[in-house]
Amino acid sequence: MINLKETTTPQKNLLKRIKNRDWLENNLKEIQEKHAEKWIAIAEETVVAHGNEPGEVKENIKGRFPSAEVLLLRVPKGEISRPV
């Protein structure tokens, strides 16, 4: 039987990804200053690895964090539009 009051692992991982995304949004300016045009991995609401290639960053965090909760992205340089 499904327990609708219980939080599943995928739900927990999704919540962590959302928190990481929110942290990215709130710290974007500082992240851009440090990591413009680089690949970064965000976990536990912090940049946990960075590099020139996504594979390099993935290798750096391998086994440290579940991939379902990590954000991997290339940081753009310059102005970024935001939703209204």
PDB file of N, CA and C in Angstrom:
ATOM      1  N   MET A   1       0.840  -1.184   0.000  1.00  0.00           N
ATOM      2  CA  MET A   1       0.000   0.000   0.000  1.00  0.00           C
ATOM      3  C   MET A   1       0.890   1.255   0.000  1.00  0.00           C
ATOM      4  N   ILE A   2       0.474   2.264  -0.698  1.00  0.00           N
ATOM      5  CA  ILE A   2       1.216   3.525  -0.779  1.00  0.00           C
ATOM      6  C   ILE A   2       0.878   4.393   0.424  1.00  0.00           C
ATOM      7  N   ASN A   3       1.909   4.877   1.089  1.00  0.00           N
ATOM      8  CA  ASN A   3       1.724   5.780   2.215  1.00  0.00           C
ATOM      9  C   ASN A   3       1.919   7.207   1.697  1.00  0.00           C
ATOM     10  N   LEU A   4       0.830   7.932   1.547  1.00  0.00           N
ATOM     11  CA  LEU A   4       0.902   9.277   0.982  1.00  0.00           C
ATOM     12  C   LEU A   4       1.523  10.307   1.931  1.00  0.00           C
ATOM     13  N   LYS A   5       1.695   9.934   3.176  1.00  0.00           N
ATOM     14  CA  LYS A   5       2.323  10.838   4.133  1.00  0.00           C
ATOM     15  C   LYS A   5       3.838  10.682   4.159  1.00  0.00           C
ATOM     16  N   GLU A   6       4.353   9.638   3.543  1.00  0.00           N
ATOM     17  CA  GLU A   6       5.786   9.356   3.543  1.00  0.00           C
ATOM     18  C   GLU A   6       6.456  10.065   2.364  1.00  0.00           C
ATOM     19  N   THR A   7       7.619  10.641   2.603  1.00  0.00           N
ATOM     20  CA  THR A   7       8.381  11.289   1.547  1.00  0.00           C
ATOM     21  C   THR A   7       9.320  10.270   0.919  1.00  0.00           C
ATOM     22  N   THR A   8       9.274  10.161  -0.390  1.00  0.00           N
ATOM     23  CA  THR A   8      10.101   9.187  -1.099  1.00  0.00           C
ATOM     24  C   THR A   8      11.481   9.767  -1.393  1.00  0.00           C
ATOM     25  N   THR A   9      12.418   8.904  -1.724  1.00  0.00           N
ATOM     26  CA  THR A   9      13.768   9.345  -2.083  1.00  0.00           C
ATOM     27  C   THR A   9      13.742  10.271  -3.291  1.00  0.00           C
ATOM     28  N   PRO A  10      13.022   9.950  -4.369  1.00  0.00           N
ATOM     29  CA  PRO A  10      12.975  10.895  -5.486  1.00  0.00           C
ATOM     30  C   PRO A  10      12.427  12.267  -5.091  1.00  0.00           C
ATOM     31  N   GLN A  11      11.441  12.297  -4.196  1.00  0.00           N
ATOM     32  CA  GLN A  11      10.918  13.579  -3.726  1.00  0.00           C
ATOM     33  C   GLN A  11      11.978  14.353  -2.939  1.00  0.00           C
ATOM     34  N   LYS A  12      12.725  13.661  -2.104  1.00  0.00           N
ATOM     35  CA  LYS A  12      13.793  14.311  -1.336  1.00  0.00           C
ATOM     36  C   LYS A  12      14.865  14.869  -2.266  1.00  0.00           C
ATOM     37  N   ASN A  13      15.250  14.081  -3.281  1.00  0.00           N
ATOM     38  CA  ASN A  13      16.260  14.541  -4.237  1.00  0.00           C
ATOM     39  C   ASN A  13      15.765  15.757  -5.012  1.00  0.00           C
ATOM     40  N   LEU A  14      14.502  15.735  -5.420  1.00  0.00           N
ATOM     41  CA  LEU A  14      13.923  16.869  -6.138  1.00  0.00           C
ATOM     42  C   LEU A  14      13.930  18.112  -5.260  1.00  0.00           C
ATOM     43  N   LEU A  15      13.580  17.969  -4.000  1.00  0.00           N
ATOM     44  CA  LEU A  15      13.595  19.106  -3.088  1.00  0.00           C
ATOM     45  C   LEU A  15      15.005  19.679  -2.962  1.00  0.00           C
ATOM     46  N   LYS A  16      16.023  18.817  -2.911  1.00  0.00           N
ATOM     47  CA  LYS A  16      17.408  19.287  -2.839  1.00  0.00           C
ATOM     48  C   LYS A  16      17.794  20.032  -4.106  1.00  0.00           C
ATOM     49  N   ARG A  17      17.365  19.526  -5.274  1.00  0.00           N
ATOM     50  CA  ARG A  17      17.650  20.219  -6.541  1.00  0.00           C
ATOM     51  C   ARG A  17      16.990  21.590  -6.565  1.00  0.00           C
ATOM     52  N   ILE A  18      15.771  21.672  -6.082  1.00  0.00           N
ATOM     53  CA  ILE A  18      15.062  22.950  -6.048  1.00  0.00           C
ATOM     54  C   ILE A  18      15.783  23.925  -5.121  1.00  0.00           C
ATOM     55  N   LYS A  19      16.226  23.449  -3.968  1.00  0.00           N
ATOM     56  CA  LYS A  19      16.976  24.309  -3.041  1.00  0.00           C
ATOM     57  C   LYS A  19      18.275  24.776  -3.688  1.00  0.00           C
ATOM     58  N   ASN A  20      18.951  23.878  -4.413  1.00  0.00           N
ATOM     59  CA  ASN A  20      20.187  24.260  -5.104  1.00  0.00           C
ATOM     60  C   ASN A  20      19.920  25.291  -6.194  1.00  0.00           C
ATOM     61  N   ARG A  21      18.803  25.120  -6.917  1.00  0.00           N
ATOM     62  CA  ARG A  21      18.435  26.089  -7.948  1.00  0.00           C
ATOM     63  C   ARG A  21      18.137  27.453  -7.340  1.00  0.00           C
ATOM     64  N   ASP A  22      17.413  27.466  -6.241  1.00  0.00           N
ATOM     65  CA  ASP A  22      17.108  28.718  -5.560  1.00  0.00           C
ATOM     66  C   ASP A  22      18.386  29.383  -5.056  1.00  0.00           C
ATOM     67  N   TRP A  23      19.298  28.585  -4.521  1.00  0.00           N
ATOM     68  CA  TRP A  23      20.573  29.118  -4.046  1.00  0.00           C
ATOM     69  C   TRP A  23      21.344  29.731  -5.219  1.00  0.00           C
ATOM     70  N   LEU A  24      21.345  29.057  -6.352  1.00  0.00           N
ATOM     71  CA  LEU A  24      22.004  29.582  -7.555  1.00  0.00           C
ATOM     72  C   LEU A  24      21.408  30.930  -7.936  1.00  0.00           C
ATOM     73  N   GLU A  25      20.109  31.001  -7.970  1.00  0.00           N
ATOM     74  CA  GLU A  25      19.441  32.250  -8.336  1.00  0.00           C
ATOM     75  C   GLU A  25      19.810  33.384  -7.375  1.00  0.00           C
ATOM     76  N   ASN A  26      19.858  33.085  -6.090  1.00  0.00           N
ATOM     77  CA  ASN A  26      20.161  34.120  -5.092  1.00  0.00           C
ATOM     78  C   ASN A  26      21.625  34.521  -5.063  1.00  0.00           C
ATOM     79  N   ASN A  27      22.501  33.698  -5.621  1.00  0.00           N
ATOM     80  CA  ASN A  27      23.946  33.968  -5.577  1.00  0.00           C
ATOM     81  C   ASN A  27      24.567  34.081  -6.964  1.00  0.00           C
ATOM     82  N   LEU A  28      23.735  34.300  -7.964  1.00  0.00           N
ATOM     83  CA  LEU A  28      24.189  34.274  -9.348  1.00  0.00           C
ATOM     84  C   LEU A  28      25.297  35.287  -9.636  1.00  0.00           C
ATOM     85  N   LYS A  29      25.176  36.479  -9.133  1.00  0.00           N
ATOM     86  CA  LYS A  29      26.178  37.509  -9.420  1.00  0.00           C
ATOM     87  C   LYS A  29      27.569  37.076  -8.932  1.00  0.00           C
ATOM     88  N   GLU A  30      27.657  36.587  -7.709  1.00  0.00           N
ATOM     89  CA  GLU A  30      28.932  36.145  -7.156  1.00  0.00           C
ATOM     90  C   GLU A  30      29.472  34.926  -7.909  1.00  0.00           C
ATOM     91  N   ILE A  31      28.568  34.026  -8.281  1.00  0.00           N
ATOM     92  CA  ILE A  31      28.971  32.830  -9.021  1.00  0.00           C
ATOM     93  C   ILE A  31      29.522  33.228 -10.387  1.00  0.00           C
ATOM     94  N   GLN A  32      28.861  34.179 -11.044  1.00  0.00           N
ATOM     95  CA  GLN A  32      29.353  34.647 -12.335  1.00  0.00           C
ATOM     96  C   GLN A  32      30.726  35.309 -12.203  1.00  0.00           C
ATOM     97  N   GLU A  33      30.932  36.081 -11.157  1.00  0.00           N
ATOM     98  CA  GLU A  33      32.223  36.745 -10.958  1.00  0.00           C
ATOM     99  C   GLU A  33      33.350  35.724 -10.813  1.00  0.00           C
ATOM    100  N   LYS A  34      33.082  34.616 -10.147  1.00  0.00           N
ATOM    101  CA  LYS A  34      34.107  33.601  -9.897  1.00  0.00           C
ATOM    102  C   LYS A  34      34.236  32.574 -11.017  1.00  0.00           C
ATOM    103  N   HIS A  35      33.114  32.233 -11.677  1.00  0.00           N
ATOM    104  CA  HIS A  35      33.106  31.060 -12.552  1.00  0.00           C
ATOM    105  C   HIS A  35      32.563  31.329 -13.956  1.00  0.00           C
ATOM    106  N   ALA A  36      32.574  32.573 -14.435  1.00  0.00           N
ATOM    107  CA  ALA A  36      32.042  32.879 -15.762  1.00  0.00           C
ATOM    108  C   ALA A  36      32.713  32.008 -16.819  1.00  0.00           C
ATOM    109  N   GLU A  37      31.879  31.455 -17.696  1.00  0.00           N
ATOM    110  CA  GLU A  37      32.303  30.613 -18.809  1.00  0.00           C
ATOM    111  C   GLU A  37      32.955  29.294 -18.365  1.00  0.00           C
ATOM    112  N   LYS A  38      32.673  28.871 -17.150  1.00  0.00           N
ATOM    113  CA  LYS A  38      33.145  27.585 -16.622  1.00  0.00           C
ATOM    114  C   LYS A  38      31.944  26.694 -16.321  1.00  0.00           C
ATOM    115  N   TRP A  39      32.198  25.408 -16.192  1.00  0.00           N
ATOM    116  CA  TRP A  39      31.188  24.457 -15.751  1.00  0.00           C
ATOM    117  C   TRP A  39      31.274  24.336 -14.241  1.00  0.00           C
ATOM    118  N   ILE A  40      30.101  24.280 -13.594  1.00  0.00           N
ATOM    119  CA  ILE A  40      30.073  24.126 -12.138  1.00  0.00           C
ATOM    120  C   ILE A  40      29.079  23.036 -11.749  1.00  0.00           C
ATOM    121  N   ALA A  41      29.300  22.485 -10.581  1.00  0.00           N
ATOM    122  CA  ALA A  41      28.344  21.562  -9.961  1.00  0.00           C
ATOM    123  C   ALA A  41      27.914  22.199  -8.648  1.00  0.00           C
ATOM    124  N   ILE A  42      26.619  22.216  -8.424  1.00  0.00           N
ATOM    125  CA  ILE A  42      26.076  22.758  -7.179  1.00  0.00           C
ATOM    126  C   ILE A  42      25.391  21.626  -6.431  1.00  0.00           C
ATOM    127  N   ALA A  43      25.780  21.466  -5.169  1.00  0.00           N
ATOM    128  CA  ALA A  43      25.157  20.496  -4.266  1.00  0.00           C
ATOM    129  C   ALA A  43      25.209  21.095  -2.870  1.00  0.00           C
ATOM    130  N   GLU A  44      24.255  20.740  -2.060  1.00  0.00           N
ATOM    131  CA  GLU A  44      24.190  21.240  -0.687  1.00  0.00           C
ATOM    132  C   GLU A  44      24.292  22.762  -0.640  1.00  0.00           C
ATOM    133  N   GLU A  45      23.679  23.404  -1.637  1.00  0.00           N
ATOM    134  CA  GLU A  45      23.594  24.861  -1.729  1.00  0.00           C
ATOM    135  C   GLU A  45      24.966  25.537  -1.739  1.00  0.00           C
ATOM    136  N   THR A  46      25.890  24.956  -2.493  1.00  0.00           N
ATOM    137  CA  THR A  46      27.215  25.547  -2.685  1.00  0.00           C
ATOM    138  C   THR A  46      27.838  24.991  -3.968  1.00  0.00           C
ATOM    139  N   VAL A  47      28.807  25.712  -4.516  1.00  0.00           N
ATOM    140  CA  VAL A  47      29.547  25.199  -5.663  1.00  0.00           C
ATOM    141  C   VAL A  47      30.545  24.183  -5.124  1.00  0.00           C
ATOM    142  N   VAL A  48      30.390  22.934  -5.544  1.00  0.00           N
ATOM    143  CA  VAL A  48      31.238  21.862  -5.019  1.00  0.00           C
ATOM    144  C   VAL A  48      32.348  21.464  -5.983  1.00  0.00           C
ATOM    145  N   ALA A  49      32.258  21.920  -7.234  1.00  0.00           N
ATOM    146  CA  ALA A  49      33.308  21.634  -8.222  1.00  0.00           C
ATOM    147  C   ALA A  49      33.142  22.589  -9.390  1.00  0.00           C
ATOM    148  N   HIS A  50      34.248  22.849 -10.077  1.00  0.00           N
ATOM    149  CA  HIS A  50      34.203  23.690 -11.274  1.00  0.00           C
ATOM    150  C   HIS A  50      35.329  23.273 -12.209  1.00  0.00           C
ATOM    151  N   GLY A  51      35.161  23.587 -13.486  1.00  0.00           N
ATOM    152  CA  GLY A  51      36.175  23.234 -14.463  1.00  0.00           C
ATOM    153  C   GLY A  51      35.800  23.713 -15.850  1.00  0.00           C
ATOM    154  N   ASN A  52      36.647  23.381 -16.822  1.00  0.00           N
ATOM    155  CA  ASN A  52      36.429  23.826 -18.198  1.00  0.00           C
ATOM    156  C   ASN A  52      35.500  22.915 -18.988  1.00  0.00           C
ATOM    157  N   GLU A  53      35.342  21.670 -18.551  1.00  0.00           N
ATOM    158  CA  GLU A  53      34.523  20.695 -19.261  1.00  0.00           C
ATOM    159  C   GLU A  53      33.569  20.009 -18.283  1.00  0.00           C
ATOM    160  N   PRO A  54      32.368  19.665 -18.743  1.00  0.00           N
ATOM    161  CA  PRO A  54      31.419  19.008 -17.836  1.00  0.00           C
ATOM    162  C   PRO A  54      31.929  17.667 -17.310  1.00  0.00           C
ATOM    163  N   GLY A  55      32.637  16.914 -18.149  1.00  0.00           N
ATOM    164  CA  GLY A  55      33.168  15.625 -17.706  1.00  0.00           C
ATOM    165  C   GLY A  55      34.160  15.772 -16.574  1.00  0.00           C
ATOM    166  N   GLU A  56      34.967  16.812 -16.626  1.00  0.00           N
ATOM    167  CA  GLU A  56      35.945  17.106 -15.566  1.00  0.00           C
ATOM    168  C   GLU A  56      35.226  17.373 -14.243  1.00  0.00           C
ATOM    169  N   VAL A  57      34.139  18.135 -14.311  1.00  0.00           N
ATOM    170  CA  VAL A  57      33.378  18.464 -13.101  1.00  0.00           C
ATOM    171  C   VAL A  57      32.684  17.221 -12.556  1.00  0.00           C
ATOM    172  N   LYS A  58      32.081  16.427 -13.446  1.00  0.00           N
ATOM    173  CA  LYS A  58      31.420  15.192 -13.016  1.00  0.00           C
ATOM    174  C   LYS A  58      32.411  14.253 -12.335  1.00  0.00           C
ATOM    175  N   GLU A  59      33.592  14.131 -12.899  1.00  0.00           N
ATOM    176  CA  GLU A  59      34.622  13.254 -12.318  1.00  0.00           C
ATOM    177  C   GLU A  59      35.024  13.740 -10.933  1.00  0.00           C
ATOM    178  N   ASN A  60      35.096  15.048 -10.766  1.00  0.00           N
ATOM    179  CA  ASN A  60      35.500  15.649  -9.496  1.00  0.00           C
ATOM    180  C   ASN A  60      34.508  15.358  -8.370  1.00  0.00           C
ATOM    181  N   ILE A  61      33.227  15.223  -8.702  1.00  0.00           N
ATOM    182  CA  ILE A  61      32.211  14.988  -7.660  1.00  0.00           C
ATOM    183  C   ILE A  61      31.749  13.533  -7.611  1.00  0.00           C
ATOM    184  N   LYS A  62      32.303  12.706  -8.463  1.00  0.00           N
ATOM    185  CA  LYS A  62      31.881  11.304  -8.547  1.00  0.00           C
ATOM    186  C   LYS A  62      31.893  10.633  -7.167  1.00  0.00           C
ATOM    187  N   GLY A  63      30.753  10.077  -6.801  1.00  0.00           N
ATOM    188  CA  GLY A  63      30.635   9.364  -5.542  1.00  0.00           C
ATOM    189  C   GLY A  63      30.420  10.244  -4.314  1.00  0.00           C
ATOM    190  N   ARG A  64      30.497  11.557  -4.479  1.00  0.00           N
ATOM    191  CA  ARG A  64      30.332  12.456  -3.329  1.00  0.00           C
ATOM    192  C   ARG A  64      28.887  12.862  -3.090  1.00  0.00           C
ATOM    193  N   PHE A  65      28.109  12.939  -4.164  1.00  0.00           N
ATOM    194  CA  PHE A  65      26.717  13.377  -4.068  1.00  0.00           C
ATOM    195  C   PHE A  65      25.872  12.542  -5.033  1.00  0.00           C
ATOM    196  N   PRO A  66      24.635  12.241  -4.673  1.00  0.00           N
ATOM    197  CA  PRO A  66      23.754  11.558  -5.622  1.00  0.00           C
ATOM    198  C   PRO A  66      23.504  12.464  -6.833  1.00  0.00           C
ATOM    199  N   SER A  67      23.648  11.925  -8.027  1.00  0.00           N
ATOM    200  CA  SER A  67      23.491  12.753  -9.227  1.00  0.00           C
ATOM    201  C   SER A  67      22.098  13.372  -9.325  1.00  0.00           C
ATOM    202  N   ALA A  68      21.108  12.758  -8.716  1.00  0.00           N
ATOM    203  CA  ALA A  68      19.739  13.272  -8.775  1.00  0.00           C
ATOM    204  C   ALA A  68      19.564  14.590  -8.035  1.00  0.00           C
ATOM    205  N   GLU A  69      20.519  14.956  -7.181  1.00  0.00           N
ATOM    206  CA  GLU A  69      20.364  16.218  -6.440  1.00  0.00           C
ATOM    207  C   GLU A  69      21.371  17.292  -6.866  1.00  0.00           C
ATOM    208  N   VAL A  70      22.258  16.985  -7.803  1.00  0.00           N
ATOM    209  CA  VAL A  70      23.305  17.923  -8.228  1.00  0.00           C
ATOM    210  C   VAL A  70      22.858  18.706  -9.455  1.00  0.00           C
ATOM    211  N   LEU A  71      23.133  19.996  -9.447  1.00  0.00           N
ATOM    212  CA  LEU A  71      22.948  20.818 -10.643  1.00  0.00           C
ATOM    213  C   LEU A  71      24.296  20.939 -11.333  1.00  0.00           C
ATOM    214  N   LEU A  72      24.345  20.653 -12.616  1.00  0.00           N
ATOM    215  CA  LEU A  72      25.554  20.789 -13.413  1.00  0.00           C
ATOM    216  C   LEU A  72      25.227  21.776 -14.522  1.00  0.00           C
ATOM    217  N   LEU A  73      25.976  22.877 -14.596  1.00  0.00           N
ATOM    218  CA  LEU A  73      25.676  23.882 -15.595  1.00  0.00           C
ATOM    219  C   LEU A  73      26.910  24.692 -15.972  1.00  0.00           C
ATOM    220  N   ARG A  74      26.825  25.317 -17.140  1.00  0.00           N
ATOM    221  CA  ARG A  74      27.869  26.223 -17.589  1.00  0.00           C
ATOM    222  C   ARG A  74      27.411  27.624 -17.226  1.00  0.00           C
ATOM    223  N   VAL A  75      28.276  28.369 -16.553  1.00  0.00           N
ATOM    224  CA  VAL A  75      27.936  29.713 -16.092  1.00  0.00           C
ATOM    225  C   VAL A  75      28.167  30.695 -17.239  1.00  0.00           C
ATOM    226  N   PRO A  76      27.122  31.387 -17.673  1.00  0.00           N
ATOM    227  CA  PRO A  76      27.292  32.347 -18.749  1.00  0.00           C
ATOM    228  C   PRO A  76      27.971  33.621 -18.259  1.00  0.00           C
ATOM    229  N   LYS A  77      28.530  34.330 -19.202  1.00  0.00           N
ATOM    230  CA  LYS A  77      29.146  35.620 -18.899  1.00  0.00           C
ATOM    231  C   LYS A  77      28.155  36.706 -19.298  1.00  0.00           C
ATOM    232  N   GLY A  78      28.050  37.728 -18.502  1.00  0.00           N
ATOM    233  CA  GLY A  78      27.175  38.845 -18.856  1.00  0.00           C
ATOM    234  C   GLY A  78      25.773  38.729 -18.278  1.00  0.00           C
ATOM    235  N   GLU A  79      24.933  39.632 -18.727  1.00  0.00           N
ATOM    236  CA  GLU A  79      23.570  39.764 -18.226  1.00  0.00           C
ATOM    237  C   GLU A  79      22.741  38.525 -18.543  1.00  0.00           C
ATOM    238  N   ILE A  80      21.943  38.116 -17.577  1.00  0.00           N
ATOM    239  CA  ILE A  80      21.051  36.977 -17.742  1.00  0.00           C
ATOM    240  C   ILE A  80      19.636  37.482 -17.497  1.00  0.00           C
ATOM    241  N   SER A  81      18.745  37.153 -18.407  1.00  0.00           N
ATOM    242  CA  SER A  81      17.350  37.580 -18.207  1.00  0.00           C
ATOM    243  C   SER A  81      16.741  36.718 -17.124  1.00  0.00           C
ATOM    244  N   ARG A  82      15.835  37.284 -16.399  1.00  0.00           N
ATOM    245  CA  ARG A  82      15.146  36.574 -15.327  1.00  0.00           C
ATOM    246  C   ARG A  82      13.646  36.596 -15.602  1.00  0.00           C
ATOM    247  N   PRO A  83      12.946  35.554 -15.157  1.00  0.00           N
ATOM    248  CA  PRO A  83      11.496  35.567 -15.344  1.00  0.00           C
ATOM    249  C   PRO A  83      10.869  36.715 -14.575  1.00  0.00           C
ATOM    250  N   VAL A  84       9.782  37.227 -15.093  1.00  0.00           N
ATOM    251  CA  VAL A  84       9.089  38.332 -14.430  1.00  0.00           C
ATOM    252  C   VAL A  84       8.047  37.842 -13.481  1.00  0.00           C
TER     253      VAL A  84
END
